[in-house]
Amino acid sequence: VYLQMNSLKPEDTAIYYCAARNSGSYY
């Protein structure tokens, strides 16, 4: 899975994690 990030801002600074699920709320 990919995350293309354009027009990056300083507030985007963070540790980014990917995760997998079988069910439930996406958020």
mmCIF file of all heavy atoms, coordinates in Angstrom:
data_MODEL
# 
_entry.id   MODEL 
# 
loop_
_atom_site.group_PDB 
_atom_site.id 
_atom_site.type_symbol 
_atom_site.label_atom_id 
_atom_site.label_alt_id 
_atom_site.label_comp_id 
_atom_site.label_asym_id 
_atom_site.label_entity_id 
_atom_site.label_seq_id 
_atom_site.pdbx_PDB_ins_code 
_atom_site.Cartn_x 
_atom_site.Cartn_y 
_atom_site.Cartn_z 
_atom_site.occupancy 
_atom_site.B_iso_or_equiv 
_atom_site.pdbx_formal_charge 
_atom_site.auth_seq_id 
_atom_site.auth_comp_id 
_atom_site.auth_asym_id 
_atom_site.auth_atom_id 
_atom_site.pdbx_PDB_model_num 
ATOM 1   N N   . VAL A 1 1  ? 0.858   -1.173  0.000  1.00 0.00 ? 1  VAL A N   1 
ATOM 2   C CA  . VAL A 1 1  ? 0.000   0.000   0.000  1.00 0.00 ? 1  VAL A CA  1 
ATOM 3   C C   . VAL A 1 1  ? 0.899   1.229   0.000  1.00 0.00 ? 1  VAL A C   1 
ATOM 4   O O   . VAL A 1 1  ? 1.981   1.222   0.599  1.00 0.00 ? 1  VAL A O   1 
ATOM 5   C CB  . VAL A 1 1  ? -0.968  -0.003  1.204  1.00 0.00 ? 1  VAL A CB  1 
ATOM 6   C CG1 . VAL A 1 1  ? -0.209  0.049   2.523  1.00 0.00 ? 1  VAL A CG1 1 
ATOM 7   C CG2 . VAL A 1 1  ? -1.949  1.157   1.094  1.00 0.00 ? 1  VAL A CG2 1 
ATOM 8   N N   . TYR A 1 2  ? 0.452   2.280   -0.685 1.00 0.00 ? 2  TYR A N   1 
ATOM 9   C CA  . TYR A 1 2  ? 1.243   3.486   -0.839 1.00 0.00 ? 2  TYR A CA  1 
ATOM 10  C C   . TYR A 1 2  ? 0.499   4.695   -0.294 1.00 0.00 ? 2  TYR A C   1 
ATOM 11  O O   . TYR A 1 2  ? -0.725  4.728   -0.252 1.00 0.00 ? 2  TYR A O   1 
ATOM 12  C CB  . TYR A 1 2  ? 1.555   3.751   -2.314 1.00 0.00 ? 2  TYR A CB  1 
ATOM 13  C CG  . TYR A 1 2  ? 2.245   2.618   -3.018 1.00 0.00 ? 2  TYR A CG  1 
ATOM 14  C CD1 . TYR A 1 2  ? 1.517   1.687   -3.748 1.00 0.00 ? 2  TYR A CD1 1 
ATOM 15  C CD2 . TYR A 1 2  ? 3.627   2.479   -2.961 1.00 0.00 ? 2  TYR A CD2 1 
ATOM 16  C CE1 . TYR A 1 2  ? 2.149   0.648   -4.405 1.00 0.00 ? 2  TYR A CE1 1 
ATOM 17  C CE2 . TYR A 1 2  ? 4.265   1.440   -3.612 1.00 0.00 ? 2  TYR A CE2 1 
ATOM 18  C CZ  . TYR A 1 2  ? 3.526   0.527   -4.332 1.00 0.00 ? 2  TYR A CZ  1 
ATOM 19  O OH  . TYR A 1 2  ? 4.152   -0.503  -4.985 1.00 0.00 ? 2  TYR A OH  1 
ATOM 20  N N   . LEU A 1 3  ? 1.262   5.685   0.095  1.00 0.00 ? 3  LEU A N   1 
ATOM 21  C CA  . LEU A 1 3  ? 0.710   6.985   0.427  1.00 0.00 ? 3  LEU A CA  1 
ATOM 22  C C   . LEU A 1 3  ? 1.541   8.036   -0.290 1.00 0.00 ? 3  LEU A C   1 
ATOM 23  O O   . LEU A 1 3  ? 2.681   8.304   0.098  1.00 0.00 ? 3  LEU A O   1 
ATOM 24  C CB  . LEU A 1 3  ? 0.721   7.245   1.935  1.00 0.00 ? 3  LEU A CB  1 
ATOM 25  C CG  . LEU A 1 3  ? 0.041   8.543   2.371  1.00 0.00 ? 3  LEU A CG  1 
ATOM 26  C CD1 . LEU A 1 3  ? -1.469  8.470   2.129  1.00 0.00 ? 3  LEU A CD1 1 
ATOM 27  C CD2 . LEU A 1 3  ? 0.325   8.842   3.839  1.00 0.00 ? 3  LEU A CD2 1 
ATOM 28  N N   . GLN A 1 4  ? 0.974   8.595   -1.343 1.00 0.00 ? 4  GLN A N   1 
ATOM 29  C CA  . GLN A 1 4  ? 1.623   9.675   -2.068 1.00 0.00 ? 4  GLN A CA  1 
ATOM 30  C C   . GLN A 1 4  ? 1.268   10.984  -1.389 1.00 0.00 ? 4  GLN A C   1 
ATOM 31  O O   . GLN A 1 4  ? 0.091   11.327  -1.277 1.00 0.00 ? 4  GLN A O   1 
ATOM 32  C CB  . GLN A 1 4  ? 1.173   9.691   -3.526 1.00 0.00 ? 4  GLN A CB  1 
ATOM 33  C CG  . GLN A 1 4  ? 1.762   10.824  -4.351 1.00 0.00 ? 4  GLN A CG  1 
ATOM 34  C CD  . GLN A 1 4  ? 3.252   10.687  -4.539 1.00 0.00 ? 4  GLN A CD  1 
ATOM 35  O OE1 . GLN A 1 4  ? 3.743   9.625   -4.877 1.00 0.00 ? 4  GLN A OE1 1 
ATOM 36  N NE2 . GLN A 1 4  ? 3.980   11.780  -4.319 1.00 0.00 ? 4  GLN A NE2 1 
ATOM 37  N N   . MET A 1 5  ? 2.274   11.726  -0.963 1.00 0.00 ? 5  MET A N   1 
ATOM 38  C CA  . MET A 1 5  ? 2.079   12.960  -0.222 1.00 0.00 ? 5  MET A CA  1 
ATOM 39  C C   . MET A 1 5  ? 2.655   14.113  -1.029 1.00 0.00 ? 5  MET A C   1 
ATOM 40  O O   . MET A 1 5  ? 3.867   14.179  -1.257 1.00 0.00 ? 5  MET A O   1 
ATOM 41  C CB  . MET A 1 5  ? 2.739   12.885  1.155  1.00 0.00 ? 5  MET A CB  1 
ATOM 42  C CG  . MET A 1 5  ? 2.276   11.691  1.987  1.00 0.00 ? 5  MET A CG  1 
ATOM 43  S SD  . MET A 1 5  ? 2.988   11.696  3.655  1.00 0.00 ? 5  MET A SD  1 
ATOM 44  C CE  . MET A 1 5  ? 4.716   11.457  3.257  1.00 0.00 ? 5  MET A CE  1 
ATOM 45  N N   . ASN A 1 6  ? 1.792   15.014  -1.447 1.00 0.00 ? 6  ASN A N   1 
ATOM 46  C CA  . ASN A 1 6  ? 2.193   16.187  -2.206 1.00 0.00 ? 6  ASN A CA  1 
ATOM 47  C C   . ASN A 1 6  ? 1.895   17.451  -1.414 1.00 0.00 ? 6  ASN A C   1 
ATOM 48  O O   . ASN A 1 6  ? 1.113   17.441  -0.468 1.00 0.00 ? 6  ASN A O   1 
ATOM 49  C CB  . ASN A 1 6  ? 1.456   16.240  -3.545 1.00 0.00 ? 6  ASN A CB  1 
ATOM 50  C CG  . ASN A 1 6  ? 1.757   15.063  -4.441 1.00 0.00 ? 6  ASN A CG  1 
ATOM 51  O OD1 . ASN A 1 6  ? 2.868   14.538  -4.438 1.00 0.00 ? 6  ASN A OD1 1 
ATOM 52  N ND2 . ASN A 1 6  ? 0.782   14.653  -5.234 1.00 0.00 ? 6  ASN A ND2 1 
ATOM 53  N N   . SER A 1 7  ? 2.512   18.543  -1.827 1.00 0.00 ? 7  SER A N   1 
ATOM 54  C CA  . SER A 1 7  ? 2.303   19.840  -1.179 1.00 0.00 ? 7  SER A CA  1 
ATOM 55  C C   . SER A 1 7  ? 2.451   19.742  0.329  1.00 0.00 ? 7  SER A C   1 
ATOM 56  O O   . SER A 1 7  ? 1.618   20.232  1.091  1.00 0.00 ? 7  SER A O   1 
ATOM 57  C CB  . SER A 1 7  ? 0.921   20.393  -1.548 1.00 0.00 ? 7  SER A CB  1 
ATOM 58  O OG  . SER A 1 7  ? 0.789   20.535  -2.949 1.00 0.00 ? 7  SER A OG  1 
ATOM 59  N N   . LEU A 1 8  ? 3.517   19.121  0.754  1.00 0.00 ? 8  LEU A N   1 
ATOM 60  C CA  . LEU A 1 8  ? 3.721   18.874  2.176  1.00 0.00 ? 8  LEU A CA  1 
ATOM 61  C C   . LEU A 1 8  ? 3.893   20.169  2.956  1.00 0.00 ? 8  LEU A C   1 
ATOM 62  O O   . LEU A 1 8  ? 4.481   21.138  2.468  1.00 0.00 ? 8  LEU A O   1 
ATOM 63  C CB  . LEU A 1 8  ? 4.927   17.972  2.382  1.00 0.00 ? 8  LEU A CB  1 
ATOM 64  C CG  . LEU A 1 8  ? 4.662   16.494  2.073  1.00 0.00 ? 8  LEU A CG  1 
ATOM 65  C CD1 . LEU A 1 8  ? 5.964   15.744  1.889  1.00 0.00 ? 8  LEU A CD1 1 
ATOM 66  C CD2 . LEU A 1 8  ? 3.836   15.867  3.193  1.00 0.00 ? 8  LEU A CD2 1 
ATOM 67  N N   . LYS A 1 9  ? 3.382   20.155  4.175  1.00 0.00 ? 9  LYS A N   1 
ATOM 68  C CA  . LYS A 1 9  ? 3.441   21.286  5.082  1.00 0.00 ? 9  LYS A CA  1 
ATOM 69  C C   . LYS A 1 9  ? 4.182   20.892  6.347  1.00 0.00 ? 9  LYS A C   1 
ATOM 70  O O   . LYS A 1 9  ? 4.224   19.715  6.696  1.00 0.00 ? 9  LYS A O   1 
ATOM 71  C CB  . LYS A 1 9  ? 2.024   21.740  5.451  1.00 0.00 ? 9  LYS A CB  1 
ATOM 72  C CG  . LYS A 1 9  ? 1.129   22.058  4.267  1.00 0.00 ? 9  LYS A CG  1 
ATOM 73  C CD  . LYS A 1 9  ? -0.290  22.365  4.733  1.00 0.00 ? 9  LYS A CD  1 
ATOM 74  C CE  . LYS A 1 9  ? -1.195  22.664  3.564  1.00 0.00 ? 9  LYS A CE  1 
ATOM 75  N NZ  . LYS A 1 9  ? -2.584  22.945  4.018  1.00 0.00 ? 9  LYS A NZ  1 
ATOM 76  N N   . PRO A 1 10 ? 4.759   21.859  7.059  1.00 0.00 ? 10 PRO A N   1 
ATOM 77  C CA  . PRO A 1 10 ? 5.436   21.526  8.314  1.00 0.00 ? 10 PRO A CA  1 
ATOM 78  C C   . PRO A 1 10 ? 4.538   20.770  9.290  1.00 0.00 ? 10 PRO A C   1 
ATOM 79  O O   . PRO A 1 10 ? 5.036   19.917  10.039 1.00 0.00 ? 10 PRO A O   1 
ATOM 80  C CB  . PRO A 1 10 ? 5.839   22.895  8.866  1.00 0.00 ? 10 PRO A CB  1 
ATOM 81  C CG  . PRO A 1 10 ? 6.042   23.728  7.648  1.00 0.00 ? 10 PRO A CG  1 
ATOM 82  C CD  . PRO A 1 10 ? 4.966   23.277  6.696  1.00 0.00 ? 10 PRO A CD  1 
ATOM 83  N N   . GLU A 1 11 ? 3.256   21.050  9.302  1.00 0.00 ? 11 GLU A N   1 
ATOM 84  C CA  . GLU A 1 11 ? 2.345   20.364  10.199 1.00 0.00 ? 11 GLU A CA  1 
ATOM 85  C C   . GLU A 1 11 ? 2.111   18.902  9.831  1.00 0.00 ? 11 GLU A C   1 
ATOM 86  O O   . GLU A 1 11 ? 1.468   18.170  10.582 1.00 0.00 ? 11 GLU A O   1 
ATOM 87  C CB  . GLU A 1 11 ? 1.000   21.096  10.296 1.00 0.00 ? 11 GLU A CB  1 
ATOM 88  C CG  . GLU A 1 11 ? 0.400   21.446  8.949  1.00 0.00 ? 11 GLU A CG  1 
ATOM 89  C CD  . GLU A 1 11 ? 0.700   22.868  8.518  1.00 0.00 ? 11 GLU A CD  1 
ATOM 90  O OE1 . GLU A 1 11 ? 1.873   23.291  8.641  1.00 0.00 ? 11 GLU A OE1 1 
ATOM 91  O OE2 . GLU A 1 11 ? -0.233  23.562  8.064  1.00 0.00 ? 11 GLU A OE2 1 
ATOM 92  N N   . ASP A 1 12 ? 2.616   18.470  8.678  1.00 0.00 ? 12 ASP A N   1 
ATOM 93  C CA  . ASP A 1 12 ? 2.565   17.063  8.311  1.00 0.00 ? 12 ASP A CA  1 
ATOM 94  C C   . ASP A 1 12 ? 3.670   16.257  8.981  1.00 0.00 ? 12 ASP A C   1 
ATOM 95  O O   . ASP A 1 12 ? 3.680   15.025  8.875  1.00 0.00 ? 12 ASP A O   1 
ATOM 96  C CB  . ASP A 1 12 ? 2.673   16.891  6.800  1.00 0.00 ? 12 ASP A CB  1 
ATOM 97  C CG  . ASP A 1 12 ? 1.484   17.472  6.053  1.00 0.00 ? 12 ASP A CG  1 
ATOM 98  O OD1 . ASP A 1 12 ? 0.342   17.305  6.523  1.00 0.00 ? 12 ASP A OD1 1 
ATOM 99  O OD2 . ASP A 1 12 ? 1.700   18.082  4.987  1.00 0.00 ? 12 ASP A OD2 1 
ATOM 100 N N   . THR A 1 13 ? 4.597   16.921  9.634  1.00 0.00 ? 13 THR A N   1 
ATOM 101 C CA  . THR A 1 13 ? 5.696   16.237  10.300 1.00 0.00 ? 13 THR A CA  1 
ATOM 102 C C   . THR A 1 13 ? 5.171   15.296  11.372 1.00 0.00 ? 13 THR A C   1 
ATOM 103 O O   . THR A 1 13 ? 4.429   15.705  12.266 1.00 0.00 ? 13 THR A O   1 
ATOM 104 C CB  . THR A 1 13 ? 6.659   17.255  10.921 1.00 0.00 ? 13 THR A CB  1 
ATOM 105 O OG1 . THR A 1 13 ? 7.258   18.032  9.883  1.00 0.00 ? 13 THR A OG1 1 
ATOM 106 C CG2 . THR A 1 13 ? 7.746   16.546  11.712 1.00 0.00 ? 13 THR A CG2 1 
ATOM 107 N N   . ALA A 1 14 ? 5.543   14.031  11.277 1.00 0.00 ? 14 ALA A N   1 
ATOM 108 C CA  . ALA A 1 14 ? 5.055   13.015  12.200 1.00 0.00 ? 14 ALA A CA  1 
ATOM 109 C C   . ALA A 1 14 ? 5.699   11.681  11.854 1.00 0.00 ? 14 ALA A C   1 
ATOM 110 O O   . ALA A 1 14 ? 6.356   11.541  10.820 1.00 0.00 ? 14 ALA A O   1 
ATOM 111 C CB  . ALA A 1 14 ? 3.532   12.890  12.120 1.00 0.00 ? 14 ALA A CB  1 
ATOM 112 N N   . ILE A 1 15 ? 5.488   10.714  12.725 1.00 0.00 ? 15 ILE A N   1 
ATOM 113 C CA  . ILE A 1 15 ? 5.779   9.334   12.381 1.00 0.00 ? 15 ILE A CA  1 
ATOM 114 C C   . ILE A 1 15 ? 4.533   8.763   11.720 1.00 0.00 ? 15 ILE A C   1 
ATOM 115 O O   . ILE A 1 15 ? 3.435   8.860   12.267 1.00 0.00 ? 15 ILE A O   1 
ATOM 116 C CB  . ILE A 1 15 ? 6.157   8.498   13.613 1.00 0.00 ? 15 ILE A CB  1 
ATOM 117 C CG1 . ILE A 1 15 ? 7.402   9.078   14.280 1.00 0.00 ? 15 ILE A CG1 1 
ATOM 118 C CG2 . ILE A 1 15 ? 6.404   7.057   13.221 1.00 0.00 ? 15 ILE A CG2 1 
ATOM 119 C CD1 . ILE A 1 15 ? 7.778   8.386   15.574 1.00 0.00 ? 15 ILE A CD1 1 
ATOM 120 N N   . TYR A 1 16 ? 4.710   8.171   10.563 1.00 0.00 ? 16 TYR A N   1 
ATOM 121 C CA  . TYR A 1 16 ? 3.600   7.616   9.805  1.00 0.00 ? 16 TYR A CA  1 
ATOM 122 C C   . TYR A 1 16 ? 3.596   6.100   9.932  1.00 0.00 ? 16 TYR A C   1 
ATOM 123 O O   . TYR A 1 16 ? 4.614   5.443   9.738  1.00 0.00 ? 16 TYR A O   1 
ATOM 124 C CB  . TYR A 1 16 ? 3.698   8.024   8.334  1.00 0.00 ? 16 TYR A CB  1 
ATOM 125 C CG  . TYR A 1 16 ? 3.285   9.454   8.088  1.00 0.00 ? 16 TYR A CG  1 
ATOM 126 C CD1 . TYR A 1 16 ? 4.090   10.504  8.516  1.00 0.00 ? 16 TYR A CD1 1 
ATOM 127 C CD2 . TYR A 1 16 ? 2.088   9.751   7.443  1.00 0.00 ? 16 TYR A CD2 1 
ATOM 128 C CE1 . TYR A 1 16 ? 3.706   11.821  8.319  1.00 0.00 ? 16 TYR A CE1 1 
ATOM 129 C CE2 . TYR A 1 16 ? 1.699   11.062  7.233  1.00 0.00 ? 16 TYR A CE2 1 
ATOM 130 C CZ  . TYR A 1 16 ? 2.506   12.095  7.669  1.00 0.00 ? 16 TYR A CZ  1 
ATOM 131 O OH  . TYR A 1 16 ? 2.133   13.397  7.467  1.00 0.00 ? 16 TYR A OH  1 
ATOM 132 N N   . TYR A 1 17 ? 2.426   5.560   10.238 1.00 0.00 ? 17 TYR A N   1 
ATOM 133 C CA  . TYR A 1 17 ? 2.249   4.131   10.437 1.00 0.00 ? 17 TYR A CA  1 
ATOM 134 C C   . TYR A 1 17 ? 1.235   3.581   9.443  1.00 0.00 ? 17 TYR A C   1 
ATOM 135 O O   . TYR A 1 17 ? 0.201   4.208   9.206  1.00 0.00 ? 17 TYR A O   1 
ATOM 136 C CB  . TYR A 1 17 ? 1.729   3.827   11.838 1.00 0.00 ? 17 TYR A CB  1 
ATOM 137 C CG  . TYR A 1 17 ? 2.607   4.299   12.961 1.00 0.00 ? 17 TYR A CG  1 
ATOM 138 C CD1 . TYR A 1 17 ? 2.456   5.567   13.504 1.00 0.00 ? 17 TYR A CD1 1 
ATOM 139 C CD2 . TYR A 1 17 ? 3.580   3.465   13.502 1.00 0.00 ? 17 TYR A CD2 1 
ATOM 140 C CE1 . TYR A 1 17 ? 3.255   6.002   14.548 1.00 0.00 ? 17 TYR A CE1 1 
ATOM 141 C CE2 . TYR A 1 17 ? 4.377   3.889   14.549 1.00 0.00 ? 17 TYR A CE2 1 
ATOM 142 C CZ  . TYR A 1 17 ? 4.209   5.156   15.068 1.00 0.00 ? 17 TYR A CZ  1 
ATOM 143 O OH  . TYR A 1 17 ? 4.999   5.575   16.106 1.00 0.00 ? 17 TYR A OH  1 
ATOM 144 N N   . CYS A 1 18 ? 1.506   2.421   8.902  1.00 0.00 ? 18 CYS A N   1 
ATOM 145 C CA  . CYS A 1 18 ? 0.475   1.729   8.153  1.00 0.00 ? 18 CYS A CA  1 
ATOM 146 C C   . CYS A 1 18 ? -0.118  0.637   9.026  1.00 0.00 ? 18 CYS A C   1 
ATOM 147 O O   . CYS A 1 18 ? 0.517   0.142   9.962  1.00 0.00 ? 18 CYS A O   1 
ATOM 148 C CB  . CYS A 1 18 ? 1.000   1.157   6.825  1.00 0.00 ? 18 CYS A CB  1 
ATOM 149 S SG  . CYS A 1 18 ? 2.117   -0.247  6.964  1.00 0.00 ? 18 CYS A SG  1 
ATOM 150 N N   . ALA A 1 19 ? -1.349  0.269   8.724  1.00 0.00 ? 19 ALA A N   1 
ATOM 151 C CA  . ALA A 1 19 ? -2.066  -0.703  9.530  1.00 0.00 ? 19 ALA A CA  1 
ATOM 152 C C   . ALA A 1 19 ? -3.035  -1.490  8.659  1.00 0.00 ? 19 ALA A C   1 
ATOM 153 O O   . ALA A 1 19 ? -3.469  -1.016  7.608  1.00 0.00 ? 19 ALA A O   1 
ATOM 154 C CB  . ALA A 1 19 ? -2.823  0.007   10.659 1.00 0.00 ? 19 ALA A CB  1 
ATOM 155 N N   . ALA A 1 20 ? -3.374  -2.697  9.115  1.00 0.00 ? 20 ALA A N   1 
ATOM 156 C CA  . ALA A 1 20 ? -4.268  -3.588  8.389  1.00 0.00 ? 20 ALA A CA  1 
ATOM 157 C C   . ALA A 1 20 ? -5.421  -4.021  9.277  1.00 0.00 ? 20 ALA A C   1 
ATOM 158 O O   . ALA A 1 20 ? -5.247  -4.233  10.476 1.00 0.00 ? 20 ALA A O   1 
ATOM 159 C CB  . ALA A 1 20 ? -3.499  -4.810  7.887  1.00 0.00 ? 20 ALA A CB  1 
ATOM 160 N N   . ARG A 1 21 ? -6.587  -4.168  8.682  1.00 0.00 ? 21 ARG A N   1 
ATOM 161 C CA  . ARG A 1 21 ? -7.773  -4.598  9.417  1.00 0.00 ? 21 ARG A CA  1 
ATOM 162 C C   . ARG A 1 21 ? -8.660  -5.488  8.555  1.00 0.00 ? 21 ARG A C   1 
ATOM 163 O O   . ARG A 1 21 ? -8.677  -5.363  7.333  1.00 0.00 ? 21 ARG A O   1 
ATOM 164 C CB  . ARG A 1 21 ? -8.580  -3.393  9.896  1.00 0.00 ? 21 ARG A CB  1 
ATOM 165 C CG  . ARG A 1 21 ? -9.103  -2.513  8.773  1.00 0.00 ? 21 ARG A CG  1 
ATOM 166 C CD  . ARG A 1 21 ? -10.016 -1.406  9.295  1.00 0.00 ? 21 ARG A CD  1 
ATOM 167 N NE  . ARG A 1 21 ? -10.361 -0.463  8.238  1.00 0.00 ? 21 ARG A NE  1 
ATOM 168 C CZ  . ARG A 1 21 ? -11.386 -0.602  7.412  1.00 0.00 ? 21 ARG A CZ  1 
ATOM 169 N NH1 . ARG A 1 21 ? -12.186 -1.669  7.505  1.00 0.00 ? 21 ARG A NH1 1 
ATOM 170 N NH2 . ARG A 1 21 ? -11.616 0.306   6.474  1.00 0.00 ? 21 ARG A NH2 1 
ATOM 171 N N   . ASN A 1 22 ? -9.397  -6.363  9.219  1.00 0.00 ? 22 ASN A N   1 
ATOM 172 C CA  . ASN A 1 22 ? -10.383 -7.196  8.538  1.00 0.00 ? 22 ASN A CA  1 
ATOM 173 C C   . ASN A 1 22 ? -11.782 -6.602  8.589  1.00 0.00 ? 22 ASN A C   1 
ATOM 174 O O   . ASN A 1 22 ? -12.607 -6.879  7.732  1.00 0.00 ? 22 ASN A O   1 
ATOM 175 C CB  . ASN A 1 22 ? -10.425 -8.597  9.153  1.00 0.00 ? 22 ASN A CB  1 
ATOM 176 C CG  . ASN A 1 22 ? -9.298  -9.479  8.681  1.00 0.00 ? 22 ASN A CG  1 
ATOM 177 O OD1 . ASN A 1 22 ? -8.942  -9.473  7.500  1.00 0.00 ? 22 ASN A OD1 1 
ATOM 178 N ND2 . ASN A 1 22 ? -8.745  -10.265 9.597  1.00 0.00 ? 22 ASN A ND2 1 
ATOM 179 N N   . SER A 1 23 ? -12.047 -5.822  9.620  1.00 0.00 ? 23 SER A N   1 
ATOM 180 C CA  . SER A 1 23 ? -13.371 -5.248  9.803  1.00 0.00 ? 23 SER A CA  1 
ATOM 181 C C   . SER A 1 23 ? -13.269 -4.045  10.715 1.00 0.00 ? 23 SER A C   1 
ATOM 182 O O   . SER A 1 23 ? -12.226 -3.790  11.321 1.00 0.00 ? 23 SER A O   1 
ATOM 183 C CB  . SER A 1 23 ? -14.344 -6.278  10.391 1.00 0.00 ? 23 SER A CB  1 
ATOM 184 O OG  . SER A 1 23 ? -13.912 -6.694  11.676 1.00 0.00 ? 23 SER A OG  1 
ATOM 185 N N   . GLY A 1 24 ? -14.366 -3.316  10.828 1.00 0.00 ? 24 GLY A N   1 
ATOM 186 C CA  . GLY A 1 24 ? -14.430 -2.169  11.707 1.00 0.00 ? 24 GLY A CA  1 
ATOM 187 C C   . GLY A 1 24 ? -14.408 -0.863  10.945 1.00 0.00 ? 24 GLY A C   1 
ATOM 188 O O   . GLY A 1 24 ? -14.484 -0.819  9.720  1.00 0.00 ? 24 GLY A O   1 
ATOM 189 N N   . SER A 1 25 ? -14.286 0.217   11.696 1.00 0.00 ? 25 SER A N   1 
ATOM 190 C CA  . SER A 1 25 ? -14.280 1.553   11.121 1.00 0.00 ? 25 SER A CA  1 
ATOM 191 C C   . SER A 1 25 ? -12.899 1.899   10.592 1.00 0.00 ? 25 SER A C   1 
ATOM 192 O O   . SER A 1 25 ? -11.893 1.680   11.264 1.00 0.00 ? 25 SER A O   1 
ATOM 193 C CB  . SER A 1 25 ? -14.716 2.575   12.159 1.00 0.00 ? 25 SER A CB  1 
ATOM 194 O OG  . SER A 1 25 ? -16.029 2.308   12.626 1.00 0.00 ? 25 SER A OG  1 
ATOM 195 N N   . TYR A 1 26 ? -12.862 2.477   9.427  1.00 0.00 ? 26 TYR A N   1 
ATOM 196 C CA  . TYR A 1 26 ? -11.594 2.782   8.787  1.00 0.00 ? 26 TYR A CA  1 
ATOM 197 C C   . TYR A 1 26 ? -10.801 3.836   9.533  1.00 0.00 ? 26 TYR A C   1 
ATOM 198 O O   . TYR A 1 26 ? -9.582  3.917   9.378  1.00 0.00 ? 26 TYR A O   1 
ATOM 199 C CB  . TYR A 1 26 ? -11.827 3.234   7.338  1.00 0.00 ? 26 TYR A CB  1 
ATOM 200 C CG  . TYR A 1 26 ? -12.575 4.549   7.210  1.00 0.00 ? 26 TYR A CG  1 
ATOM 201 C CD1 . TYR A 1 26 ? -11.891 5.758   7.245  1.00 0.00 ? 26 TYR A CD1 1 
ATOM 202 C CD2 . TYR A 1 26 ? -13.947 4.580   7.043  1.00 0.00 ? 26 TYR A CD2 1 
ATOM 203 C CE1 . TYR A 1 26 ? -12.561 6.963   7.134  1.00 0.00 ? 26 TYR A CE1 1 
ATOM 204 C CE2 . TYR A 1 26 ? -14.631 5.769   6.926  1.00 0.00 ? 26 TYR A CE2 1 
ATOM 205 C CZ  . TYR A 1 26 ? -13.934 6.966   6.977  1.00 0.00 ? 26 TYR A CZ  1 
ATOM 206 O OH  . TYR A 1 26 ? -14.608 8.150   6.860  1.00 0.00 ? 26 TYR A OH  1 
ATOM 207 N N   . TYR A 1 27 ? -11.479 4.672   10.316 1.00 0.00 ? 27 TYR A N   1 
ATOM 208 C CA  . TYR A 1 27 ? -10.851 5.810   10.963 1.00 0.00 ? 27 TYR A CA  1 
ATOM 209 C C   . TYR A 1 27 ? -10.455 5.549   12.411 1.00 0.00 ? 27 TYR A C   1 
ATOM 210 O O   . TYR A 1 27 ? -9.865  6.427   13.047 1.00 0.00 ? 27 TYR A O   1 
ATOM 211 C CB  . TYR A 1 27 ? -11.781 7.023   10.920 1.00 0.00 ? 27 TYR A CB  1 
ATOM 212 C CG  . TYR A 1 27 ? -13.155 6.758   11.483 1.00 0.00 ? 27 TYR A CG  1 
ATOM 213 C CD1 . TYR A 1 27 ? -13.397 6.867   12.837 1.00 0.00 ? 27 TYR A CD1 1 
ATOM 214 C CD2 . TYR A 1 27 ? -14.204 6.384   10.645 1.00 0.00 ? 27 TYR A CD2 1 
ATOM 215 C CE1 . TYR A 1 27 ? -14.655 6.600   13.352 1.00 0.00 ? 27 TYR A CE1 1 
ATOM 216 C CE2 . TYR A 1 27 ? -15.464 6.123   11.139 1.00 0.00 ? 27 TYR A CE2 1 
ATOM 217 C CZ  . TYR A 1 27 ? -15.689 6.233   12.503 1.00 0.00 ? 27 TYR A CZ  1 
ATOM 218 O OH  . TYR A 1 27 ? -16.936 5.974   13.009 1.00 0.00 ? 27 TYR A OH  1 
# 
